[in-house]
Amino acid sequence: MKTGKGEIVTFNKTPIISQTMKLHKNTSNWWIYYSDIFGISLILIAITGTMMLTHGKYTFKQRGWKLALAGIIFPIIVLLILS
């Protein structure tokens, strides 16, 4: 105030990201139902995918559990590093 100088803070919106951010702020009920159905279907696909192969060297008991464990541990490590 004494010097008469100030600072202007502006935010530039990126073209694609700012448009998709509207989905997170959307309060319509259809989007909530859609995301719930989509999440449940992804869980069902993952569970049924583990049961598909029952013979051979690429079964869940042989190799699948390692891939599932990597799919759980890797995102947790990334979250710990970034936070």
C-alpha atoms as a PDB file:
ATOM      1  CA  MET A   1       0.000   0.000   0.000  1.00  0.00           C
ATOM      2  CA  LYS A   2       2.823   2.426   0.789  1.00  0.00           C
ATOM      3  CA  THR A   3       4.716   1.895  -2.479  1.00  0.00           C
ATOM      4  CA  GLY A   4       1.656   1.774  -4.720  1.00  0.00           C
ATOM      5  CA  LYS A   5       2.817  -1.467  -6.351  1.00  0.00           C
ATOM      6  CA  GLY A   6       0.624  -4.542  -6.599  1.00  0.00           C
ATOM      7  CA  GLU A   7       0.580  -8.045  -7.968  1.00  0.00           C
ATOM      8  CA  ILE A   8      -1.981  -9.487 -10.348  1.00  0.00           C
ATOM      9  CA  VAL A   9      -2.616 -13.213 -10.174  1.00  0.00           C
ATOM     10  CA  THR A  10      -4.319 -14.763 -13.204  1.00  0.00           C
ATOM     11  CA  PHE A  11      -5.248 -18.309 -14.081  1.00  0.00           C
ATOM     12  CA  ASN A  12      -5.086 -19.583 -17.644  1.00  0.00           C
ATOM     13  CA  LYS A  13      -7.430 -22.434 -18.505  1.00  0.00           C
ATOM     14  CA  THR A  14      -6.026 -25.229 -20.621  1.00  0.00           C
ATOM     15  CA  PRO A  15      -8.383 -26.196 -23.457  1.00  0.00           C
ATOM     16  CA  ILE A  16      -9.074 -29.881 -22.780  1.00  0.00           C
ATOM     17  CA  ILE A  17      -8.399 -30.169 -19.058  1.00  0.00           C
ATOM     18  CA  SER A  18     -10.618 -27.247 -18.073  1.00  0.00           C
ATOM     19  CA  GLN A  19     -13.507 -28.751 -20.041  1.00  0.00           C
ATOM     20  CA  THR A  20     -13.138 -32.149 -18.388  1.00  0.00           C
ATOM     21  CA  MET A  21     -12.965 -30.536 -14.953  1.00  0.00           C
ATOM     22  CA  LYS A  22     -16.613 -29.598 -15.432  1.00  0.00           C
ATOM     23  CA  LEU A  23     -17.450 -33.304 -15.135  1.00  0.00           C
ATOM     24  CA  HIS A  24     -16.089 -33.365 -11.574  1.00  0.00           C
ATOM     25  CA  LYS A  25     -18.077 -30.287 -10.630  1.00  0.00           C
ATOM     26  CA  ASN A  26     -21.268 -31.488 -12.302  1.00  0.00           C
ATOM     27  CA  THR A  27     -24.040 -32.133  -9.811  1.00  0.00           C
ATOM     28  CA  SER A  28     -26.483 -33.881 -12.128  1.00  0.00           C
ATOM     29  CA  ASN A  29     -27.656 -37.283 -10.971  1.00  0.00           C
ATOM     30  CA  TRP A  30     -27.136 -39.120 -14.274  1.00  0.00           C
ATOM     31  CA  TRP A  31     -23.353 -38.731 -14.097  1.00  0.00           C
ATOM     32  CA  ILE A  32     -23.253 -40.215 -10.592  1.00  0.00           C
ATOM     33  CA  TYR A  33     -25.248 -43.264 -11.717  1.00  0.00           C
ATOM     34  CA  TYR A  34     -23.150 -43.646 -14.856  1.00  0.00           C
ATOM     35  CA  SER A  35     -19.871 -43.603 -12.927  1.00  0.00           C
ATOM     36  CA  ASP A  36     -21.203 -46.105 -10.362  1.00  0.00           C
ATOM     37  CA  ILE A  37     -22.319 -48.525 -13.091  1.00  0.00           C
ATOM     38  CA  PHE A  38     -19.005 -48.101 -14.909  1.00  0.00           C
ATOM     39  CA  GLY A  39     -17.008 -48.765 -11.720  1.00  0.00           C
ATOM     40  CA  ILE A  40     -19.027 -51.896 -10.912  1.00  0.00           C
ATOM     41  CA  SER A  41     -18.582 -53.179 -14.465  1.00  0.00           C
ATOM     42  CA  LEU A  42     -14.791 -52.687 -14.251  1.00  0.00           C
ATOM     43  CA  ILE A  43     -14.702 -54.668 -11.003  1.00  0.00           C
ATOM     44  CA  LEU A  44     -16.735 -57.480 -12.607  1.00  0.00           C
ATOM     45  CA  ILE A  45     -14.433 -57.553 -15.641  1.00  0.00           C
ATOM     46  CA  ALA A  46     -11.377 -57.812 -13.364  1.00  0.00           C
ATOM     47  CA  ILE A  47     -12.888 -60.619 -11.269  1.00  0.00           C
ATOM     48  CA  THR A  48     -14.118 -62.659 -14.232  1.00  0.00           C
ATOM     49  CA  GLY A  49     -10.792 -62.126 -16.001  1.00  0.00           C
ATOM     50  CA  THR A  50      -8.967 -63.872 -13.165  1.00  0.00           C
ATOM     51  CA  MET A  51     -11.218 -66.908 -13.541  1.00  0.00           C
ATOM     52  CA  MET A  52     -11.007 -67.339 -17.318  1.00  0.00           C
ATOM     53  CA  LEU A  53      -7.837 -69.389 -17.674  1.00  0.00           C
ATOM     54  CA  THR A  54      -7.803 -72.505 -15.524  1.00  0.00           C
ATOM     55  CA  HIS A  55      -5.195 -74.627 -17.362  1.00  0.00           C
ATOM     56  CA  GLY A  56      -1.716 -73.977 -18.665  1.00  0.00           C
ATOM     57  CA  LYS A  57       1.174 -71.851 -17.526  1.00  0.00           C
ATOM     58  CA  TYR A  58      -0.679 -68.509 -17.606  1.00  0.00           C
ATOM     59  CA  THR A  59      -3.251 -69.175 -14.869  1.00  0.00           C
ATOM     60  CA  PHE A  60      -3.968 -66.846 -11.980  1.00  0.00           C
ATOM     61  CA  LYS A  61      -2.170 -69.184  -9.572  1.00  0.00           C
ATOM     62  CA  GLN A  62       0.925 -69.313 -11.780  1.00  0.00           C
ATOM     63  CA  ARG A  63       1.339 -65.731 -12.993  1.00  0.00           C
ATOM     64  CA  GLY A  64      -1.827 -63.721 -12.408  1.00  0.00           C
ATOM     65  CA  TRP A  65      -1.323 -63.072  -8.713  1.00  0.00           C
ATOM     66  CA  LYS A  66       2.034 -61.461  -9.461  1.00  0.00           C
ATOM     67  CA  LEU A  67       0.446 -59.117 -11.983  1.00  0.00           C
ATOM     68  CA  ALA A  68      -2.417 -58.311  -9.613  1.00  0.00           C
ATOM     69  CA  LEU A  69       0.041 -57.573  -6.817  1.00  0.00           C
ATOM     70  CA  ALA A  70       2.074 -55.313  -9.112  1.00  0.00           C
ATOM     71  CA  GLY A  71      -1.132 -53.550 -10.117  1.00  0.00           C
ATOM     72  CA  ILE A  72      -1.853 -52.791  -6.465  1.00  0.00           C
ATOM     73  CA  ILE A  73       1.654 -51.973  -5.230  1.00  0.00           C
ATOM     74  CA  PHE A  74       2.789 -49.746  -8.119  1.00  0.00           C
ATOM     75  CA  PRO A  75       0.045 -47.089  -7.717  1.00  0.00           C
ATOM     76  CA  ILE A  76       0.547 -47.063  -3.942  1.00  0.00           C
ATOM     77  CA  ILE A  77       4.281 -46.406  -4.377  1.00  0.00           C
ATOM     78  CA  VAL A  78       3.585 -43.607  -6.850  1.00  0.00           C
ATOM     79  CA  LEU A  79       1.077 -42.040  -4.446  1.00  0.00           C
ATOM     80  CA  LEU A  80       3.586 -42.206  -1.598  1.00  0.00           C
ATOM     81  CA  ILE A  81       6.314 -40.620  -3.701  1.00  0.00           C
ATOM     82  CA  LEU A  82       4.088 -37.818  -5.016  1.00  0.00           C
ATOM     83  CA  SER A  83       2.521 -36.917  -1.692  1.00  0.00           C
END
